[in-house]
Amino acid sequence: MSRRRDTTKLVRWYPQAWRERYGDEFAALLEDSAADGRLTFASRVSIVGSGLRERARGAGLTGDTASPVERVRAGALLVLSAWAVFVVAGASFSKMSEQFDVQVPAASRALPWDAFAIVQKVAVLAALLVGVGAAVAVPALMKLLRDGGWPSISRHIFRATAVTAVAVVATAGLVPWAHSLSFSQRNGNDWPYTIAFLMWALLIVALLGLWTAAAVAIGRRLEFAPAILATEALLAGALTTAMIAMTAATATWWAAIATDAPWFLHGTAPGTSNSPFEPRLAITMAAMAGAAAVAIFGTVRAARSWKLLSTVGVS
């Protein structure tokens, strides 16, 4: 019984359509090939990898099995998913850069301040792009609901809504607490608040992830007219450009601070540190760059697929 449950869990890594067609046979094959009642670790990794590749192929992210329309849609949704990761990284950067201008010598503030301003302004533009993309999709969403599509997305909506309610309550309790503390206490010198803030941050990340998952689940089920699909692809490309710009501006800010006020990166007194490296900022930059790279892949995927659509007269 445990072996059957084990193989069933592994088969779930594959998309539903694949499972409906090959799942039973594949599960039986895994049970027969298991040594001493258990699959080897290498076999598990291989199965999971194959399942993820099959999911990517089925979603239109790789290969040419999916239709060009699905590939355009998949590329745009991949950009949206990358944006969710970028938002988390951007929030981390915003937290770490608080009051940086106070620590930087007046003669050296121009470059980091300009870079920081670019991040802020482009972030607002990117949020508007996401909002426009959502607004453009509203008619297709209304059609999905009229056609009885609510059951297919309700689970995602309920989960995201429930976590949103918890986040609202948590935020209502955390904000007054933060206002009662000094800047130093809010930045690591009050352990109860620090632990509460980290838990709140994880809650916000989960909230963002659930709403992004809901948006992707909805987006995969919408029927877009060609012009609307083209608009979503163009918005995805613009959002990708915004992520690239913010990543470059953040890197410029880091370089400027590391040169003129490296002590700020480590939270020490002026002149006490000359190391340009800060682990949290490095992780943040890696997340930004990774998200931008994924977005570039999605944009290229959508653009190439749209070009294929255009050659067959769908435009």
Foldseek 3Di string as FASTA:
>chain_A
DVLLVVLLVLLVLADPVCCVVCVVVSSVVCCVPDDPSHRDPVVSVVSNVVRPVNVCVVQLLDDPPDALLSLLLSLLLLLLVLVLLLVLLVVLLVVLCPPVQVQFPPVLVVQLVVLVVLLVVLVVVLVVLVVVLVVLCVVLLVVCVVVPNCVQLVVLVVVLVVLVVVLVVLCVVLVVVVVVDDPVCCVPVPVVNVVSVVVSSVSVSVNSVSVSVSVSSSSSPTDDALVSSVSSLVSLVSSLVSLVSSLVSLVSSLVSCLVGFCCSLVVDHGPPDNDSDHVSNVVSSVSSVVSSVSSVSSSVSSVVSVVVVVVVPRD
